[in-house]
Amino acid sequence: DDDERARMRREWAALLVEVRKHANVSGDMGDLVNRR
């Protein structure tokens, strides 16, 4: 229903923001290596 869809959309949007934020930090992700 619309209410459930709106709630699920808020949850999805919050996770999408986190994905974009961390993707921007790491560039294209590629093959990351350990700092050590």
PDB file of all heavy atoms in Angstrom:
ATOM      1  N   ASP A   1       0.841  -1.191   0.000  1.00  0.00           N
ATOM      2  CA  ASP A   1       0.000   0.000   0.000  1.00  0.00           C
ATOM      3  C   ASP A   1       0.879   1.245   0.000  1.00  0.00           C
ATOM      4  O   ASP A   1       2.100   1.160   0.143  1.00  0.00           O
ATOM      5  CB  ASP A   1      -0.937   0.010   1.215  1.00  0.00           C
ATOM      6  CG  ASP A   1      -0.178  -0.139   2.521  1.00  0.00           C
ATOM      7  OD1 ASP A   1       0.711   0.694   2.794  1.00  0.00           O
ATOM      8  OD2 ASP A   1      -0.460  -1.091   3.273  1.00  0.00           O
ATOM      9  N   ASP A   2       0.251   2.400  -0.154  1.00  0.00           N
ATOM     10  CA  ASP A   2       1.000   3.650  -0.287  1.00  0.00           C
ATOM     11  C   ASP A   2       1.790   3.989   0.972  1.00  0.00           C
ATOM     12  O   ASP A   2       2.926   4.471   0.891  1.00  0.00           O
ATOM     13  CB  ASP A   2       0.040   4.794  -0.619  1.00  0.00           C
ATOM     14  CG  ASP A   2      -0.557   4.653  -2.014  1.00  0.00           C
ATOM     15  OD1 ASP A   2       0.028   3.896  -2.820  1.00  0.00           O
ATOM     16  OD2 ASP A   2      -1.592   5.283  -2.289  1.00  0.00           O
ATOM     17  N   ASP A   3       1.192   3.762   2.160  1.00  0.00           N
ATOM     18  CA  ASP A   3       1.890   4.085   3.403  1.00  0.00           C
ATOM     19  C   ASP A   3       3.136   3.228   3.570  1.00  0.00           C
ATOM     20  O   ASP A   3       4.212   3.714   3.945  1.00  0.00           O
ATOM     21  CB  ASP A   3       0.954   3.891   4.600  1.00  0.00           C
ATOM     22  CG  ASP A   3      -0.134   4.956   4.650  1.00  0.00           C
ATOM     23  OD1 ASP A   3       0.045   6.008   4.009  1.00  0.00           O
ATOM     24  OD2 ASP A   3      -1.159   4.720   5.320  1.00  0.00           O
ATOM     25  N   GLU A   4       2.981   1.934   3.307  1.00  0.00           N
ATOM     26  CA  GLU A   4       4.127   1.029   3.438  1.00  0.00           C
ATOM     27  C   GLU A   4       5.191   1.365   2.399  1.00  0.00           C
ATOM     28  O   GLU A   4       6.385   1.347   2.689  1.00  0.00           O
ATOM     29  CB  GLU A   4       3.674  -0.419   3.275  1.00  0.00           C
ATOM     30  CG  GLU A   4       4.811  -1.420   3.461  1.00  0.00           C
ATOM     31  CD  GLU A   4       4.383  -2.842   3.182  1.00  0.00           C
ATOM     32  OE1 GLU A   4       3.256  -3.032   2.690  1.00  0.00           O
ATOM     33  OE2 GLU A   4       5.183  -3.757   3.450  1.00  0.00           O
ATOM     34  N   ARG A   5       4.747   1.691   1.196  1.00  0.00           N
ATOM     35  CA  ARG A   5       5.697   2.033   0.147  1.00  0.00           C
ATOM     36  C   ARG A   5       6.471   3.301   0.507  1.00  0.00           C
ATOM     37  O   ARG A   5       7.683   3.385   0.284  1.00  0.00           O
ATOM     38  CB  ARG A   5       4.965   2.230  -1.181  1.00  0.00           C
ATOM     39  CG  ARG A   5       5.903   2.474  -2.363  1.00  0.00           C
ATOM     40  CD  ARG A   5       5.130   2.581  -3.663  1.00  0.00           C
ATOM     41  NE  ARG A   5       6.026   2.808  -4.783  1.00  0.00           N
ATOM     42  CZ  ARG A   5       6.685   1.859  -5.429  1.00  0.00           C
ATOM     43  NH1 ARG A   5       6.536   0.596  -5.060  1.00  0.00           N
ATOM     44  NH2 ARG A   5       7.484   2.154  -6.437  1.00  0.00           N
ATOM     45  N   ALA A   6       5.789   4.279   1.095  1.00  0.00           N
ATOM     46  CA  ALA A   6       6.458   5.509   1.503  1.00  0.00           C
ATOM     47  C   ALA A   6       7.498   5.224   2.586  1.00  0.00           C
ATOM     48  O   ALA A   6       8.599   5.780   2.577  1.00  0.00           O
ATOM     49  CB  ALA A   6       5.432   6.525   1.992  1.00  0.00           C
ATOM     50  N   ARG A   7       7.145   4.355   3.530  1.00  0.00           N
ATOM     51  CA  ARG A   7       8.083   4.015   4.602  1.00  0.00           C
ATOM     52  C   ARG A   7       9.288   3.261   4.038  1.00  0.00           C
ATOM     53  O   ARG A   7      10.439   3.525   4.410  1.00  0.00           O
ATOM     54  CB  ARG A   7       7.376   3.154   5.657  1.00  0.00           C
ATOM     55  CG  ARG A   7       8.256   2.757   6.830  1.00  0.00           C
ATOM     56  CD  ARG A   7       7.412   2.174   7.951  1.00  0.00           C
ATOM     57  NE  ARG A   7       6.686   0.987   7.500  1.00  0.00           N
ATOM     58  CZ  ARG A   7       7.226  -0.244   7.488  1.00  0.00           C
ATOM     59  NH1 ARG A   7       8.471  -0.423   7.905  1.00  0.00           N
ATOM     60  NH2 ARG A   7       6.515  -1.275   7.097  1.00  0.00           N
ATOM     61  N   MET A   8       9.039   2.309   3.132  1.00  0.00           N
ATOM     62  CA  MET A   8      10.131   1.560   2.511  1.00  0.00           C
ATOM     63  C   MET A   8      10.996   2.476   1.651  1.00  0.00           C
ATOM     64  O   MET A   8      12.203   2.286   1.563  1.00  0.00           O
ATOM     65  CB  MET A   8       9.557   0.436   1.652  1.00  0.00           C
ATOM     66  CG  MET A   8       8.890  -0.693   2.417  1.00  0.00           C
ATOM     67  SD  MET A   8      10.041  -1.611   3.481  1.00  0.00           S
ATOM     68  CE  MET A   8       9.735  -0.854   5.081  1.00  0.00           C
ATOM     69  N   ARG A   9      10.372   3.479   1.029  1.00  0.00           N
ATOM     70  CA  ARG A   9      11.146   4.408   0.197  1.00  0.00           C
ATOM     71  C   ARG A   9      12.098   5.243   1.047  1.00  0.00           C
ATOM     72  O   ARG A   9      13.235   5.508   0.648  1.00  0.00           O
ATOM     73  CB  ARG A   9      10.209   5.323  -0.594  1.00  0.00           C
ATOM     74  CG  ARG A   9      10.953   6.265  -1.534  1.00  0.00           C
ATOM     75  CD  ARG A   9      10.007   7.078  -2.390  1.00  0.00           C
ATOM     76  NE  ARG A   9      10.749   7.933  -3.299  1.00  0.00           N
ATOM     77  CZ  ARG A   9      11.273   7.553  -4.445  1.00  0.00           C
ATOM     78  NH1 ARG A   9      11.123   6.302  -4.849  1.00  0.00           N
ATOM     79  NH2 ARG A   9      11.953   8.392  -5.214  1.00  0.00           N
ATOM     80  N   ARG A  10      11.654   5.646   2.232  1.00  0.00           N
ATOM     81  CA  ARG A  10      12.533   6.409   3.138  1.00  0.00           C
ATOM     82  C   ARG A  10      13.718   5.554   3.575  1.00  0.00           C
ATOM     83  O   ARG A  10      14.851   6.037   3.647  1.00  0.00           O
ATOM     84  CB  ARG A  10      11.736   6.898   4.351  1.00  0.00           C
ATOM     85  CG  ARG A  10      10.741   8.010   4.034  1.00  0.00           C
ATOM     86  CD  ARG A  10      10.227   8.659   5.307  1.00  0.00           C
ATOM     87  NE  ARG A  10       9.448   7.722   6.110  1.00  0.00           N
ATOM     88  CZ  ARG A  10       8.137   7.543   5.987  1.00  0.00           C
ATOM     89  NH1 ARG A  10       7.452   8.233   5.079  1.00  0.00           N
ATOM     90  NH2 ARG A  10       7.491   6.700   6.773  1.00  0.00           N
ATOM     91  N   GLU A  11      13.454   4.289   3.869  1.00  0.00           N
ATOM     92  CA  GLU A  11      14.535   3.382   4.275  1.00  0.00           C
ATOM     93  C   GLU A  11      15.525   3.191   3.136  1.00  0.00           C
ATOM     94  O   GLU A  11      16.744   3.241   3.338  1.00  0.00           O
ATOM     95  CB  GLU A  11      13.940   2.029   4.677  1.00  0.00           C
ATOM     96  CG  GLU A  11      14.977   0.982   5.056  1.00  0.00           C
ATOM     97  CD  GLU A  11      14.344  -0.362   5.346  1.00  0.00           C
ATOM     98  OE1 GLU A  11      13.170  -0.395   5.776  1.00  0.00           O
ATOM     99  OE2 GLU A  11      15.013  -1.395   5.139  1.00  0.00           O
ATOM    100  N   TRP A  12      15.001   2.987   1.925  1.00  0.00           N
ATOM    101  CA  TRP A  12      15.867   2.791   0.760  1.00  0.00           C
ATOM    102  C   TRP A  12      16.680   4.046   0.463  1.00  0.00           C
ATOM    103  O   TRP A  12      17.886   3.968   0.178  1.00  0.00           O
ATOM    104  CB  TRP A  12      15.021   2.415  -0.449  1.00  0.00           C
ATOM    105  CG  TRP A  12      15.771   2.495  -1.745  1.00  0.00           C
ATOM    106  CD1 TRP A  12      16.730   1.649  -2.201  1.00  0.00           C
ATOM    107  CD2 TRP A  12      15.646   3.518  -2.738  1.00  0.00           C
ATOM    108  NE1 TRP A  12      17.209   2.054  -3.416  1.00  0.00           N
ATOM    109  CE2 TRP A  12      16.561   3.203  -3.770  1.00  0.00           C
ATOM    110  CE3 TRP A  12      14.841   4.642  -2.857  1.00  0.00           C
ATOM    111  CZ2 TRP A  12      16.683   4.001  -4.909  1.00  0.00           C
ATOM    112  CZ3 TRP A  12      14.965   5.439  -3.998  1.00  0.00           C
ATOM    113  CH2 TRP A  12      15.886   5.105  -5.003  1.00  0.00           C
ATOM    114  N   ALA A  13      16.018   5.220   0.533  1.00  0.00           N
ATOM    115  CA  ALA A  13      16.706   6.473   0.224  1.00  0.00           C
ATOM    116  C   ALA A  13      17.862   6.734   1.190  1.00  0.00           C
ATOM    117  O   ALA A  13      18.929   7.201   0.795  1.00  0.00           O
ATOM    118  CB  ALA A  13      15.710   7.636   0.259  1.00  0.00           C
ATOM    119  N   ALA A  14      17.665   6.404   2.473  1.00  0.00           N
ATOM    120  CA  ALA A  14      18.732   6.602   3.468  1.00  0.00           C
ATOM    121  C   ALA A  14      19.931   5.715   3.153  1.00  0.00           C
ATOM    122  O   ALA A  14      21.085   6.156   3.237  1.00  0.00           O
ATOM    123  CB  ALA A  14      18.196   6.300   4.865  1.00  0.00           C
ATOM    124  N   LEU A  15      19.667   4.473   2.759  1.00  0.00           N
ATOM    125  CA  LEU A  15      20.765   3.569   2.414  1.00  0.00           C
ATOM    126  C   LEU A  15      21.452   4.010   1.130  1.00  0.00           C
ATOM    127  O   LEU A  15      22.677   3.904   1.001  1.00  0.00           O
ATOM    128  CB  LEU A  15      20.234   2.141   2.263  1.00  0.00           C
ATOM    129  CG  LEU A  15      19.887   1.434   3.572  1.00  0.00           C
ATOM    130  CD1 LEU A  15      19.095   0.164   3.309  1.00  0.00           C
ATOM    131  CD2 LEU A  15      21.155   1.114   4.360  1.00  0.00           C
ATOM    132  N   LEU A  16      20.677   4.515   0.183  1.00  0.00           N
ATOM    133  CA  LEU A  16      21.263   4.979  -1.068  1.00  0.00           C
ATOM    134  C   LEU A  16      22.212   6.144  -0.835  1.00  0.00           C
ATOM    135  O   LEU A  16      23.275   6.234  -1.462  1.00  0.00           O
ATOM    136  CB  LEU A  16      20.154   5.384  -2.038  1.00  0.00           C
ATOM    137  CG  LEU A  16      20.604   5.811  -3.440  1.00  0.00           C
ATOM    138  CD1 LEU A  16      21.334   4.671  -4.133  1.00  0.00           C
ATOM    139  CD2 LEU A  16      19.416   6.257  -4.274  1.00  0.00           C
ATOM    140  N   VAL A  17      21.866   7.028   0.078  1.00  0.00           N
ATOM    141  CA  VAL A  17      22.742   8.153   0.422  1.00  0.00           C
ATOM    142  C   VAL A  17      24.073   7.631   0.966  1.00  0.00           C
ATOM    143  O   VAL A  17      25.151   8.125   0.606  1.00  0.00           O
ATOM    144  CB  VAL A  17      22.062   9.077   1.452  1.00  0.00           C
ATOM    145  CG1 VAL A  17      23.064  10.079   2.023  1.00  0.00           C
ATOM    146  CG2 VAL A  17      20.897   9.815   0.811  1.00  0.00           C
ATOM    147  N   GLU A  18      24.012   6.619   1.831  1.00  0.00           N
ATOM    148  CA  GLU A  18      25.236   6.049   2.393  1.00  0.00           C
ATOM    149  C   GLU A  18      26.088   5.398   1.316  1.00  0.00           C
ATOM    150  O   GLU A  18      27.320   5.529   1.312  1.00  0.00           O
ATOM    151  CB  GLU A  18      24.878   5.025   3.476  1.00  0.00           C
ATOM    152  CG  GLU A  18      24.272   5.633   4.727  1.00  0.00           C
ATOM    153  CD  GLU A  18      25.229   6.598   5.403  1.00  0.00           C
ATOM    154  OE1 GLU A  18      26.414   6.252   5.560  1.00  0.00           O
ATOM    155  OE2 GLU A  18      24.806   7.714   5.758  1.00  0.00           O
ATOM    156  N   VAL A  19      25.443   4.677   0.386  1.00  0.00           N
ATOM    157  CA  VAL A  19      26.188   4.028  -0.697  1.00  0.00           C
ATOM    158  C   VAL A  19      26.912   5.073  -1.544  1.00  0.00           C
ATOM    159  O   VAL A  19      28.099   4.935  -1.854  1.00  0.00           O
ATOM    160  CB  VAL A  19      25.239   3.199  -1.581  1.00  0.00           C
ATOM    161  CG1 VAL A  19      25.954   2.727  -2.849  1.00  0.00           C
ATOM    162  CG2 VAL A  19      24.726   1.988  -0.812  1.00  0.00           C
ATOM    163  N   ARG A  20      26.193   6.142  -1.905  1.00  0.00           N
ATOM    164  CA  ARG A  20      26.811   7.186  -2.726  1.00  0.00           C
ATOM    165  C   ARG A  20      27.948   7.871  -1.991  1.00  0.00           C
ATOM    166  O   ARG A  20      28.994   8.172  -2.568  1.00  0.00           O
ATOM    167  CB  ARG A  20      25.752   8.218  -3.120  1.00  0.00           C
ATOM    168  CG  ARG A  20      24.772   7.715  -4.174  1.00  0.00           C
ATOM    169  CD  ARG A  20      23.681   8.730  -4.428  1.00  0.00           C
ATOM    170  NE  ARG A  20      22.817   8.329  -5.534  1.00  0.00           N
ATOM    171  CZ  ARG A  20      21.695   8.948  -5.871  1.00  0.00           C
ATOM    172  NH1 ARG A  20      21.305  10.007  -5.166  1.00  0.00           N
ATOM    173  NH2 ARG A  20      20.980   8.535  -6.886  1.00  0.00           N
ATOM    174  N   LYS A  21      27.760   8.118  -0.682  1.00  0.00           N
ATOM    175  CA  LYS A  21      28.790   8.800   0.102  1.00  0.00           C
ATOM    176  C   LYS A  21      30.068   7.974   0.151  1.00  0.00           C
ATOM    177  O   LYS A  21      31.163   8.490  -0.061  1.00  0.00           O
ATOM    178  CB  LYS A  21      28.272   9.074   1.510  1.00  0.00           C
ATOM    179  CG  LYS A  21      29.284   9.778   2.414  1.00  0.00           C
ATOM    180  CD  LYS A  21      28.628  10.205   3.710  1.00  0.00           C
ATOM    181  CE  LYS A  21      28.191   9.013   4.542  1.00  0.00           C
ATOM    182  NZ  LYS A  21      27.618   9.426   5.843  1.00  0.00           N
ATOM    183  N   HIS A  22      29.934   6.688   0.423  1.00  0.00           N
ATOM    184  CA  HIS A  22      31.121   5.839   0.532  1.00  0.00           C
ATOM    185  C   HIS A  22      31.734   5.555  -0.833  1.00  0.00           C
ATOM    186  O   HIS A  22      32.940   5.390  -0.951  1.00  0.00           O
ATOM    187  CB  HIS A  22      30.770   4.546   1.252  1.00  0.00           C
ATOM    188  CG  HIS A  22      30.522   4.722   2.712  1.00  0.00           C
ATOM    189  ND1 HIS A  22      29.315   5.176   3.209  1.00  0.00           N
ATOM    190  CD2 HIS A  22      31.327   4.550   3.788  1.00  0.00           C
ATOM    191  CE1 HIS A  22      29.387   5.256   4.528  1.00  0.00           C
ATOM    192  NE2 HIS A  22      30.586   4.897   4.902  1.00  0.00           N
ATOM    193  N   ALA A  23      30.914   5.508  -1.878  1.00  0.00           N
ATOM    194  CA  ALA A  23      31.458   5.320  -3.221  1.00  0.00           C
ATOM    195  C   ALA A  23      32.273   6.534  -3.627  1.00  0.00           C
ATOM    196  O   ALA A  23      33.319   6.406  -4.269  1.00  0.00           O
ATOM    197  CB  ALA A  23      30.328   5.078  -4.216  1.00  0.00           C
ATOM    198  N   ASN A  24      31.836   7.743  -3.253  1.00  0.00           N
ATOM    199  CA  ASN A  24      32.591   8.956  -3.571  1.00  0.00           C
ATOM    200  C   ASN A  24      33.917   8.993  -2.835  1.00  0.00           C
ATOM    201  O   ASN A  24      34.930   9.451  -3.365  1.00  0.00           O
ATOM    202  CB  ASN A  24      31.765  10.197  -3.200  1.00  0.00           C
ATOM    203  CG  ASN A  24      30.596  10.410  -4.141  1.00  0.00           C
ATOM    204  OD1 ASN A  24      30.616   9.942  -5.270  1.00  0.00           O
ATOM    205  ND2 ASN A  24      29.569  11.093  -3.663  1.00  0.00           N
ATOM    206  N   VAL A  25      33.930   8.498  -1.593  1.00  0.00           N
ATOM    207  CA  VAL A  25      35.168   8.477  -0.813  1.00  0.00           C
ATOM    208  C   VAL A  25      36.194   7.552  -1.444  1.00  0.00           C
ATOM    209  O   VAL A  25      37.382   7.841  -1.497  1.00  0.00           O
ATOM    210  CB  VAL A  25      34.878   8.042   0.636  1.00  0.00           C
ATOM    211  CG1 VAL A  25      36.175   7.757   1.388  1.00  0.00           C
ATOM    212  CG2 VAL A  25      34.092   9.131   1.351  1.00  0.00           C
ATOM    213  N   SER A  26      35.722   6.409  -1.950  1.00  0.00           N
ATOM    214  CA  SER A  26      36.639   5.389  -2.451  1.00  0.00           C
ATOM    215  C   SER A  26      36.820   5.434  -3.951  1.00  0.00           C
ATOM    216  O   SER A  26      37.439   4.549  -4.523  1.00  0.00           O
ATOM    217  CB  SER A  26      36.126   4.003  -2.055  1.00  0.00           C
ATOM    218  OG  SER A  26      34.829   3.791  -2.577  1.00  0.00           O
ATOM    219  N   GLY A  27      36.280   6.442  -4.636  1.00  0.00           N
ATOM    220  CA  GLY A  27      36.412   6.513  -6.085  1.00  0.00           C
ATOM    221  C   GLY A  27      35.592   5.437  -6.754  1.00  0.00           C
ATOM    222  O   GLY A  27      34.440   5.220  -6.424  1.00  0.00           O
ATOM    223  N   ASP A  28      36.202   4.730  -7.705  1.00  0.00           N
ATOM    224  CA  ASP A  28      35.465   3.698  -8.422  1.00  0.00           C
ATOM    225  C   ASP A  28      35.543   2.360  -7.710  1.00  0.00           C
ATOM    226  O   ASP A  28      35.198   1.331  -8.269  1.00  0.00           O
ATOM    227  CB  ASP A  28      36.012   3.553  -9.857  1.00  0.00           C
ATOM    228  CG  ASP A  28      37.479   3.118  -9.868  1.00  0.00           C
ATOM    229  OD1 ASP A  28      38.066   2.951  -8.786  1.00  0.00           O
ATOM    230  OD2 ASP A  28      38.038   2.955 -10.962  1.00  0.00           O
ATOM    231  N   MET A  29      36.000   2.347  -6.481  1.00  0.00           N
ATOM    232  CA  MET A  29      36.142   1.157  -5.637  1.00  0.00           C
ATOM    233  C   MET A  29      37.335   0.312  -6.086  1.00  0.00           C
ATOM    234  O   MET A  29      38.193  -0.014  -5.316  1.00  0.00           O
ATOM    235  CB  MET A  29      34.849   0.333  -5.608  1.00  0.00           C
ATOM    236  CG  MET A  29      33.709   1.075  -4.937  1.00  0.00           C
ATOM    237  SD  MET A  29      34.177   1.628  -3.291  1.00  0.00           S
ATOM    238  CE  MET A  29      34.417   0.050  -2.491  1.00  0.00           C
ATOM    239  N   GLY A  30      37.348  -0.130  -7.337  1.00  0.00           N
ATOM    240  CA  GLY A  30      38.484  -0.884  -7.843  1.00  0.00           C
ATOM    241  C   GLY A  30      38.905  -2.004  -6.915  1.00  0.00           C
ATOM    242  O   GLY A  30      38.104  -2.596  -6.216  1.00  0.00           O
ATOM    243  N   ASP A  31      40.197  -2.331  -6.910  1.00  0.00           N
ATOM    244  CA  ASP A  31      40.749  -3.324  -6.006  1.00  0.00           C
ATOM    245  C   ASP A  31      41.499  -2.591  -4.909  1.00  0.00           C
ATOM    246  O   ASP A  31      42.653  -2.206  -5.083  1.00  0.00           O
ATOM    247  CB  ASP A  31      41.693  -4.283  -6.750  1.00  0.00           C
ATOM    248  CG  ASP A  31      40.951  -5.126  -7.765  1.00  0.00           C
ATOM    249  OD1 ASP A  31      39.790  -5.458  -7.471  1.00  0.00           O
ATOM    250  OD2 ASP A  31      41.517  -5.436  -8.820  1.00  0.00           O
ATOM    251  N   LEU A  32      40.846  -2.382  -3.789  1.00  0.00           N
ATOM    252  CA  LEU A  32      41.483  -1.668  -2.693  1.00  0.00           C
ATOM    253  C   LEU A  32      42.497  -2.562  -2.008  1.00  0.00           C
ATOM    254  O   LEU A  32      42.342  -3.778  -1.951  1.00  0.00           O
ATOM    255  CB  LEU A  32      40.419  -1.213  -1.689  1.00  0.00           C
ATOM    256  CG  LEU A  32      39.355  -0.270  -2.242  1.00  0.00           C
ATOM    257  CD1 LEU A  32      38.402   0.132  -1.122  1.00  0.00           C
ATOM    258  CD2 LEU A  32      39.992   0.972  -2.843  1.00  0.00           C
ATOM    259  N   VAL A  33      43.566  -1.965  -1.477  1.00  0.00           N
ATOM    260  CA  VAL A  33      44.598  -2.730  -0.795  1.00  0.00           C
ATOM    261  C   VAL A  33      44.728  -2.233   0.627  1.00  0.00           C
ATOM    262  O   VAL A  33      44.383  -1.098   0.949  1.00  0.00           O
ATOM    263  CB  VAL A  33      45.956  -2.627  -1.522  1.00  0.00           C
ATOM    264  CG1 VAL A  33      45.890  -3.282  -2.873  1.00  0.00           C
ATOM    265  CG2 VAL A  33      46.385  -1.177  -1.662  1.00  0.00           C
ATOM    266  N   ASN A  34      45.243  -3.094   1.465  1.00  0.00           N
ATOM    267  CA  ASN A  34      45.420  -2.766   2.865  1.00  0.00           C
ATOM    268  C   ASN A  34      46.533  -1.719   3.020  1.00  0.00           C
ATOM    269  O   ASN A  34      47.570  -1.791   2.359  1.00  0.00           O
ATOM    270  CB  ASN A  34      45.778  -4.040   3.637  1.00  0.00           C
ATOM    271  CG  ASN A  34      45.859  -3.799   5.121  1.00  0.00           C
ATOM    272  OD1 ASN A  34      46.852  -3.290   5.612  1.00  0.00           O
ATOM    273  ND2 ASN A  34      44.814  -4.166   5.833  1.00  0.00           N
ATOM    274  N   ARG A  35      46.310  -0.767   3.914  1.00  0.00           N
ATOM    275  CA  ARG A  35      47.290   0.301   4.109  1.00  0.00           C
ATOM    276  C   ARG A  35      48.635  -0.265   4.562  1.00  0.00           C
ATOM    277  O   ARG A  35      49.687   0.204   4.122  1.00  0.00           O
ATOM    278  CB  ARG A  35      46.757   1.294   5.143  1.00  0.00           C
ATOM    279  CG  ARG A  35      47.747   2.396   5.485  1.00  0.00           C
ATOM    280  CD  ARG A  35      47.163   3.385   6.474  1.00  0.00           C
ATOM    281  NE  ARG A  35      48.135   4.372   6.879  1.00  0.00           N
ATOM    282  CZ  ARG A  35      47.880   5.391   7.695  1.00  0.00           C
ATOM    283  NH1 ARG A  35      46.665   5.541   8.196  1.00  0.00           N
ATOM    284  NH2 ARG A  35      48.814   6.252   8.020  1.00  0.00           N
ATOM    285  N   ARG A  36      48.612  -1.265   5.436  1.00  0.00           N
ATOM    286  CA  ARG A  36      49.866  -1.856   5.908  1.00  0.00           C
ATOM    287  C   ARG A  36      50.646  -2.479   4.762  1.00  0.00           C
ATOM    288  O   ARG A  36      51.877  -2.425   4.728  1.00  0.00           O
ATOM    289  CB  ARG A  36      49.574  -2.895   6.989  1.00  0.00           C
ATOM    290  CG  ARG A  36      49.036  -2.296   8.288  1.00  0.00           C
ATOM    291  CD  ARG A  36      48.807  -3.372   9.328  1.00  0.00           C
ATOM    292  NE  ARG A  36      48.288  -2.813  10.573  1.00  0.00           N
ATOM    293  CZ  ARG A  36      47.968  -3.544  11.631  1.00  0.00           C
ATOM    294  NH1 ARG A  36      48.102  -4.863  11.594  1.00  0.00           N
ATOM    295  NH2 ARG A  36      47.503  -2.956  12.729  1.00  0.00           N
TER     296      ARG A  36
END
